[in-house]
């Protein structure tokens, strides 16, 4: 039975890609370990920001505080209202901001589509593997400029990416007309072409 990958095991894979010895903790003052951890985090953030079945939620409720502002948690990578909204929402200064109304003020709960940043240990295994392989190649290129190590790892990275996409399509239950959670496919409407700003 395969063991689940942890952040520590991922960091050790990244380090081993350039011939460095394994470490017993990620809380380490060794500059190579710090760089490996930072590279792993950077790749994880980048991959997750695309929004996948495991870190994307639709209609997540955000409630205004006593000042009618909506505080956005640090682990939100992206958010948006659904296509029917007349608001243009972004994160600004840690709060929800409506660019159309030029306002931080919200008087009611907002149900938004959110992409969350998930801890490495909580990601699905297929995503952990891809992030690890991608980080190992990036680290090899940055740390020692080793084209050989990067070239050697490209096949593993491609295989890990394929497994990640397979996981996504299986878990997402996608089809051309909608999804399993009743989000319907919106066809192109010619009248939308006339809406120009």
Foldseek 3Di string as FASTA:
>chain_A
DDDFDDLQNLLQLLQVLQPHHRDDDLPDPPPLSVLLSVLLVVLLLVVLLVPFPVFKDFQAKFFADPVQWTFDDPFWSWKDADPVDPFDWDADPRTIATPVVRDRGDDGIGGMITGGRDDLSPDPRLSNQLSSLVSSLVSCCPVPNDPPSNVVSPVSNVVSVVSVVVVRCVVFCDDPAATPVPPGDDDDDVVVVVDDD
